[in-house]
Amino acid sequence: MLCACIRACFFTHVLWLDILIVIVSTLVQPIPIVDHGYRALFQNGVFRNFLPQPYAYMLNVLWIQLLLFFLASTTAQFIFRYFLLSNDGHIPRSLIWLMGVLAFLLNLFHIILLAWADYPRPNYYEKMEELSELVTQEAGITDVKFSSFTWARSFPWLMHCIIMVFLFSTCYAVITICVFKIRKYVREAFTLSVDIGEKDLSLEKLKMERLRDYNNQLTYALIVQAILPTFEVIAMSTQILLPIFYPSGTTVFIIVYTVIPLYFAPVINPLSTIFLVKPYRRAVINKIFGRNNGEMTHATIKNNTGMPTNKDQQRSFNTVAPIEHGGASN
């Protein structure tokens, strides 16, 4: 029961997380800029003229933590999906608790490290005033108040950068390993079913073919979900690394007008799943055109097999459907 609940949470929370990220990004609208070795961030959202420190900084932390949680949860989905397929739908409780505790500790550690690294301290006030005037001149944004400000070559910020590179690299390495393992397992399972000697037109083989297709489609959708945060990572990495390696440069004008569209990248997540995963795509089409799901399933089987099907066959065929929600076949 616990595994079923955890599975349901992990495969349905993504939509709510996407919505939350879009809402927070719209309200905060954090805009990072770089100027002569300094890394700064100000808010262009509805709260920029209302919230004093440290509350404005807390909104920055919330936004960044949501992005990190998004990438971490996407990584967890790949891990859970591999266990759902290869371990007869069972996710070890030890793995669930380990990942939960690890995620909590990493988030807590990152919050402390980030506050140590880029909280706007009094010794930066003079430079913050100069940069505020520069932003007003180049971008036309008035009353700029920096909610994050630091010297990019300071030890705390360099430590933060190193740890973030390690975390992102670890997540993408785990995702890559899981993708290859999932594809290998699905390929071997399909090959085994063919070697058993089923007839080419048998319903069981058709089910296995569709299982393989659905698994591949869902894997591709998860890959897209993993790629989307990469655009945010690239944007953040650019404004993080530029002042470290090119302290004489500035990106005020460029960053202000290129970072805003990235806030709405999570909107692509559900769209990619709908387009890439056939059952989801069919469900949306049914909703739009008001078509009955049972009639669609019956027609699909008849078209694939060339034979009419009775209710028992249709019910048996529908056992493939749980793969849409991350389930495993028997």
Protein backbone atom coordinates (compact mmCIF):
# COMPACT_ATOMS: atom_id res chain seq x y z
CA MET A 1 0.00 0.00 0.00
CA LEU A 2 2.82 2.38 0.90
CA CYS A 3 4.58 1.72 -2.41
CA ALA A 4 1.35 2.27 -4.32
CA CYS A 5 0.78 5.59 -2.54
CA ILE A 6 4.35 6.71 -3.13
CA ARG A 7 4.13 5.67 -6.78
CA ALA A 8 0.91 7.64 -7.24
CA CYS A 9 2.41 10.70 -5.57
CA PHE A 10 5.57 10.67 -7.66
CA PHE A 11 3.78 10.19 -10.96
CA THR A 12 1.04 12.78 -10.33
CA HIS A 13 2.89 15.51 -8.42
CA VAL A 14 4.76 16.74 -11.50
CA LEU A 15 1.75 18.65 -12.82
CA TRP A 16 1.25 20.45 -9.51
CA LEU A 17 4.96 21.16 -9.26
CA ASP A 18 4.93 22.67 -12.77
CA ILE A 19 2.00 24.90 -11.81
CA LEU A 20 3.71 25.94 -8.58
CA ILE A 21 6.96 26.81 -10.36
CA VAL A 22 5.13 28.94 -12.93
CA ILE A 23 3.18 30.77 -10.20
CA VAL A 24 6.26 31.43 -8.04
CA SER A 25 8.36 32.45 -11.07
CA THR A 26 5.65 34.86 -12.21
CA LEU A 27 5.29 36.41 -8.76
CA VAL A 28 9.03 36.65 -8.12
CA GLN A 29 10.45 37.07 -11.66
CA PRO A 30 14.09 36.80 -10.51
CA ILE A 31 16.45 38.42 -13.00
CA PRO A 32 20.16 37.58 -12.60
CA ILE A 33 22.79 39.97 -13.91
CA VAL A 34 26.58 40.08 -14.03
CA ASP A 35 28.78 43.14 -13.83
CA HIS A 36 32.56 43.30 -13.43
CA GLY A 37 32.94 40.23 -11.26
CA TYR A 38 29.75 40.70 -9.26
CA ARG A 39 26.80 38.37 -9.45
CA ALA A 40 23.46 39.93 -8.55
CA LEU A 41 19.77 39.14 -8.71
CA PHE A 42 16.76 41.41 -8.42
CA GLN A 43 13.05 40.72 -8.56
CA ASN A 44 10.77 42.19 -11.20
CA GLY A 45 7.57 40.63 -9.84
CA VAL A 46 4.68 42.05 -7.86
CA PHE A 47 6.54 41.90 -4.53
CA ARG A 48 9.68 43.78 -5.53
CA ASN A 49 8.55 47.09 -4.00
CA PHE A 50 6.83 45.61 -0.96
CA LEU A 51 9.05 42.99 0.65
CA PRO A 52 12.10 44.11 2.67
CA GLN A 53 15.02 41.88 3.49
CA PRO A 54 15.21 39.09 4.52
CA TYR A 55 11.76 38.27 3.10
CA ALA A 56 12.72 39.17 -0.47
CA TYR A 57 15.70 36.86 -0.16
CA MET A 58 13.45 34.08 1.13
CA LEU A 59 11.44 34.29 -2.11
CA ASN A 60 14.67 33.85 -4.07
CA VAL A 61 15.48 30.77 -2.04
CA LEU A 62 11.98 29.37 -2.59
CA TRP A 63 12.29 29.81 -6.36
CA ILE A 64 15.71 28.15 -6.53
CA GLN A 65 14.65 25.29 -4.25
CA LEU A 66 11.64 24.58 -6.47
CA LEU A 67 13.93 24.26 -9.49
CA LEU A 68 16.23 21.91 -7.60
CA PHE A 69 13.29 19.87 -6.33
CA PHE A 70 11.96 19.65 -9.87
CA LEU A 71 15.22 18.15 -11.14
CA ALA A 72 15.56 15.85 -8.12
CA SER A 73 11.98 14.58 -8.45
CA THR A 74 12.50 13.94 -12.16
CA THR A 75 15.56 11.87 -11.26
CA ALA A 76 13.50 9.99 -8.67
CA GLN A 77 10.87 9.20 -11.30
CA PHE A 78 13.48 7.45 -13.44
CA ILE A 79 14.70 5.44 -10.44
CA PHE A 80 11.19 4.46 -9.38
CA ARG A 81 10.20 3.58 -12.92
CA TYR A 82 13.15 1.22 -13.25
CA PHE A 83 12.17 -0.58 -10.03
CA LEU A 84 8.51 -0.71 -11.07
CA LEU A 85 9.50 -2.48 -14.28
CA SER A 86 12.32 -4.71 -13.09
CA ASN A 87 11.11 -5.54 -9.57
CA ASP A 88 7.53 -6.64 -10.31
CA GLY A 89 6.07 -3.25 -9.43
CA HIS A 90 7.66 -3.20 -5.98
CA ILE A 91 9.68 -0.23 -4.74
CA PRO A 92 11.85 -1.06 -1.70
CA ARG A 93 10.84 0.90 1.38
CA SER A 94 14.48 1.45 2.22
CA LEU A 95 14.93 3.23 -1.12
CA ILE A 96 11.89 5.43 -0.49
CA TRP A 97 13.07 6.49 2.95
CA LEU A 98 16.67 6.92 1.80
CA MET A 99 15.69 9.21 -1.07
CA GLY A 100 13.30 11.19 1.14
CA VAL A 101 15.86 11.78 3.89
CA LEU A 102 18.59 12.54 1.35
CA ALA A 103 16.39 15.08 -0.47
CA PHE A 104 15.50 16.81 2.82
CA LEU A 105 19.13 17.03 3.96
CA LEU A 106 20.35 18.26 0.58
CA ASN A 107 17.69 20.98 0.44
CA LEU A 108 18.46 22.10 3.99
CA PHE A 109 22.19 22.12 3.27
CA HIS A 110 21.67 24.09 0.07
CA ILE A 111 19.55 26.74 1.80
CA ILE A 112 22.25 27.29 4.44
CA LEU A 113 25.02 27.34 1.83
CA LEU A 114 23.15 29.75 -0.44
CA ALA A 115 22.43 32.18 2.41
CA TRP A 116 26.10 32.10 3.33
CA ALA A 117 27.16 32.69 -0.27
CA ASP A 118 24.96 35.42 -1.77
CA TYR A 119 22.91 37.22 0.87
CA PRO A 120 23.28 41.00 0.18
CA ARG A 121 25.47 42.24 3.03
CA PRO A 122 26.20 45.87 4.03
CA ASN A 123 29.71 45.86 2.55
CA TYR A 124 28.14 45.54 -0.91
CA TYR A 125 25.69 48.46 -0.58
CA GLU A 126 27.82 50.96 -2.49
CA LYS A 127 28.34 48.61 -5.43
CA MET A 128 24.65 47.70 -5.37
CA GLU A 129 23.74 51.38 -5.82
CA GLU A 130 26.05 51.67 -8.83
CA LEU A 131 24.68 48.53 -10.44
CA SER A 132 21.12 49.65 -9.76
CA GLU A 133 21.74 52.82 -11.77
CA LEU A 134 23.29 50.77 -14.59
CA VAL A 135 20.22 48.51 -14.78
CA THR A 136 17.96 51.57 -14.96
CA GLN A 137 20.03 53.05 -17.78
CA GLU A 138 20.32 49.89 -19.89
CA ALA A 139 17.00 48.14 -19.25
CA GLY A 140 14.73 51.00 -18.20
CA ILE A 141 13.76 49.24 -14.95
CA THR A 142 13.44 51.70 -12.08
CA ASP A 143 13.62 51.26 -8.33
CA VAL A 144 15.87 48.19 -8.56
CA LYS A 145 16.42 46.45 -5.23
CA PHE A 146 18.82 43.53 -5.22
CA SER A 147 17.64 40.54 -3.23
CA SER A 148 20.89 38.66 -3.90
CA PHE A 149 24.37 40.09 -4.34
CA THR A 150 27.90 38.69 -4.05
CA TRP A 151 31.44 38.83 -5.38
CA ALA A 152 31.61 35.84 -7.72
CA ARG A 153 35.13 34.84 -6.70
CA SER A 154 34.42 34.80 -2.98
CA PHE A 155 35.06 31.50 -1.23
CA PRO A 156 31.42 30.85 -0.17
CA TRP A 157 30.11 31.42 -3.69
CA LEU A 158 32.80 29.23 -5.27
CA MET A 159 31.93 26.47 -2.80
CA HIS A 160 28.27 26.84 -3.74
CA CYS A 161 29.11 26.59 -7.46
CA ILE A 162 31.24 23.46 -7.00
CA ILE A 163 28.55 21.68 -4.99
CA MET A 164 25.82 22.66 -7.46
CA VAL A 165 27.88 21.31 -10.38
CA PHE A 166 28.30 18.05 -8.47
CA LEU A 167 24.56 17.78 -7.70
CA PHE A 168 23.46 18.51 -11.26
CA SER A 169 26.05 16.12 -12.70
CA THR A 170 24.92 13.38 -10.30
CA CYS A 171 21.26 13.82 -11.24
CA TYR A 172 21.92 13.68 -14.97
CA ALA A 173 24.26 10.70 -14.55
CA VAL A 174 21.55 8.79 -12.65
CA ILE A 175 18.97 9.71 -15.30
CA THR A 176 21.25 8.49 -18.09
CA ILE A 177 21.95 5.18 -16.33
CA CYS A 178 18.24 4.60 -15.66
CA VAL A 179 17.33 5.33 -19.29
CA PHE A 180 19.74 2.68 -20.55
CA LYS A 181 18.64 0.16 -17.90
CA ILE A 182 14.93 0.72 -18.64
CA ARG A 183 15.45 0.35 -22.39
CA LYS A 184 17.56 -2.77 -21.85
CA TYR A 185 14.95 -4.36 -19.58
CA VAL A 186 12.06 -3.61 -21.97
CA ARG A 187 14.05 -4.94 -24.93
CA GLU A 188 14.98 -8.16 -23.11
CA ALA A 189 11.41 -8.69 -21.88
CA PHE A 190 10.07 -8.30 -25.40
CA THR A 191 12.71 -10.64 -26.86
CA LEU A 192 11.88 -13.26 -24.23
CA SER A 193 8.17 -13.13 -25.06
CA VAL A 194 8.95 -13.66 -28.75
CA ASP A 195 11.27 -16.59 -28.03
CA ILE A 196 8.54 -18.40 -26.10
CA GLY A 197 6.94 -19.15 -29.46
CA GLU A 198 3.80 -17.06 -29.53
CA LYS A 199 2.04 -16.73 -32.85
CA ASP A 200 2.74 -13.56 -34.74
CA LEU A 201 -0.87 -12.40 -34.65
CA SER A 202 -1.65 -13.49 -31.09
CA LEU A 203 -3.18 -11.01 -28.70
CA GLU A 204 -0.43 -11.62 -26.12
CA LYS A 205 2.27 -10.57 -28.52
CA LEU A 206 0.33 -7.47 -29.48
CA LYS A 207 0.06 -6.60 -25.80
CA MET A 208 3.80 -7.01 -25.37
CA GLU A 209 4.45 -4.82 -28.40
CA ARG A 210 2.22 -2.11 -27.00
CA LEU A 211 3.84 -2.45 -23.58
CA ARG A 212 7.21 -1.89 -25.19
CA ASP A 213 5.92 1.10 -27.17
CA TYR A 214 4.26 2.68 -24.13
CA ASN A 215 7.37 2.20 -22.01
CA ASN A 216 9.52 3.82 -24.66
CA GLN A 217 7.06 6.70 -25.09
CA LEU A 218 6.90 7.34 -21.35
CA THR A 219 10.68 7.17 -21.11
CA TYR A 220 10.98 9.78 -23.86
CA ALA A 221 8.49 12.00 -22.01
CA LEU A 222 10.55 11.70 -18.82
CA ILE A 223 13.70 12.56 -20.79
CA VAL A 224 12.01 15.73 -22.05
CA GLN A 225 11.07 16.57 -18.46
CA ALA A 226 14.71 16.10 -17.49
CA ILE A 227 15.95 18.24 -20.39
CA LEU A 228 13.68 21.21 -19.64
CA PRO A 229 15.48 22.20 -16.41
CA THR A 230 18.69 22.15 -18.45
CA PHE A 231 17.71 25.45 -20.06
CA GLU A 232 17.37 26.97 -16.60
CA VAL A 233 20.68 25.41 -15.62
CA ILE A 234 22.41 26.86 -18.69
CA ALA A 235 21.03 30.32 -17.98
CA MET A 236 22.04 30.12 -14.33
CA SER A 237 25.45 28.68 -15.19
CA THR A 238 26.10 31.50 -17.65
CA GLN A 239 25.49 34.25 -15.13
CA ILE A 240 27.35 32.26 -12.45
CA LEU A 241 30.48 31.43 -14.45
CA LEU A 242 30.88 34.69 -16.39
CA PRO A 243 31.89 36.82 -13.41
CA ILE A 244 34.26 34.09 -12.23
CA PHE A 245 36.22 33.70 -15.47
CA TYR A 246 35.49 37.08 -17.10
CA PRO A 247 35.30 39.61 -14.26
CA SER A 248 35.50 42.58 -16.64
CA GLY A 249 32.31 41.69 -18.51
CA THR A 250 28.67 42.68 -18.02
CA THR A 251 25.40 41.05 -19.09
CA VAL A 252 22.80 43.45 -17.75
CA PHE A 253 20.88 44.09 -20.97
CA ILE A 254 21.15 40.54 -22.37
CA ILE A 255 20.15 38.68 -19.22
CA VAL A 256 17.16 40.90 -18.43
CA TYR A 257 15.43 40.11 -21.72
CA THR A 258 16.45 36.46 -22.20
CA VAL A 259 15.78 34.95 -18.78
CA ILE A 260 12.06 35.78 -18.50
CA PRO A 261 10.83 33.20 -21.11
CA LEU A 262 12.62 30.45 -19.16
CA TYR A 263 10.20 30.89 -16.27
CA PHE A 264 7.46 29.34 -18.36
CA ALA A 265 9.42 26.26 -19.43
CA PRO A 266 7.42 24.03 -17.00
CA VAL A 267 4.34 24.66 -19.16
CA ILE A 268 5.97 22.46 -21.82
CA ASN A 269 6.07 19.46 -19.45
CA PRO A 270 2.43 18.35 -19.71
CA LEU A 271 2.38 19.20 -23.42
CA SER A 272 5.40 16.98 -24.08
CA THR A 273 3.78 14.10 -22.19
CA ILE A 274 0.55 14.48 -24.17
CA PHE A 275 2.34 14.52 -27.52
CA LEU A 276 4.84 11.74 -26.78
CA VAL A 277 2.73 9.20 -24.85
CA LYS A 278 -0.05 7.73 -26.99
CA PRO A 279 -2.54 6.85 -24.19
CA TYR A 280 -2.37 10.40 -22.85
CA ARG A 281 -2.68 11.83 -26.34
CA ARG A 282 -5.70 9.63 -27.03
CA ALA A 283 -7.30 10.62 -23.71
CA VAL A 284 -6.95 14.32 -24.52
CA ILE A 285 -8.39 13.80 -28.00
CA ASN A 286 -11.30 11.89 -26.47
CA LYS A 287 -11.96 14.76 -24.07
CA ILE A 288 -11.81 17.35 -26.83
CA PHE A 289 -14.03 15.48 -29.29
CA GLY A 290 -16.15 13.68 -26.69
CA ARG A 291 -15.32 10.19 -27.93
CA ASN A 292 -15.99 7.14 -25.75
CA ASN A 293 -12.85 5.42 -24.41
CA GLY A 294 -14.37 1.93 -24.63
CA GLU A 295 -15.27 2.42 -28.27
CA MET A 296 -11.78 3.71 -29.02
CA THR A 297 -10.16 0.68 -27.33
CA HIS A 298 -12.41 -1.75 -29.20
CA ALA A 299 -11.67 -0.05 -32.50
CA THR A 300 -7.93 -0.02 -31.80
CA ILE A 301 -7.83 -3.77 -31.10
CA LYS A 302 -9.89 -4.54 -34.17
CA ASN A 303 -7.62 -2.45 -36.37
CA ASN A 304 -4.47 -4.04 -34.94
CA THR A 305 -5.65 -7.64 -35.12
CA GLY A 306 -8.17 -7.59 -37.94
CA MET A 307 -10.58 -9.52 -35.68
CA PRO A 308 -13.62 -8.42 -33.66
CA THR A 309 -13.14 -8.71 -29.90
CA ASN A 310 -15.53 -9.59 -27.11
CA LYS A 311 -15.69 -7.88 -23.72
CA ASP A 312 -13.35 -10.37 -22.05
CA GLN A 313 -10.69 -9.81 -24.68
CA GLN A 314 -11.14 -6.08 -24.41
CA ARG A 315 -10.81 -6.23 -20.63
CA SER A 316 -7.65 -8.32 -20.96
CA PHE A 317 -6.21 -5.89 -23.45
CA ASN A 318 -6.87 -2.95 -21.17
CA THR A 319 -4.46 -4.42 -18.61
CA VAL A 320 -1.77 -2.69 -20.63
CA ALA A 321 -3.17 0.69 -19.60
CA PRO A 322 -1.50 0.97 -16.16
CA ILE A 323 1.79 1.62 -17.93
CA GLU A 324 0.47 5.15 -18.46
CA HIS A 325 0.80 5.74 -14.74
CA GLY A 326 4.16 4.11 -14.30
CA GLY A 327 2.85 0.63 -13.49
CA ALA A 328 4.46 -2.64 -14.55
CA SER A 329 3.03 -5.50 -16.52
CA ASN A 330 2.76 -9.02 -15.26
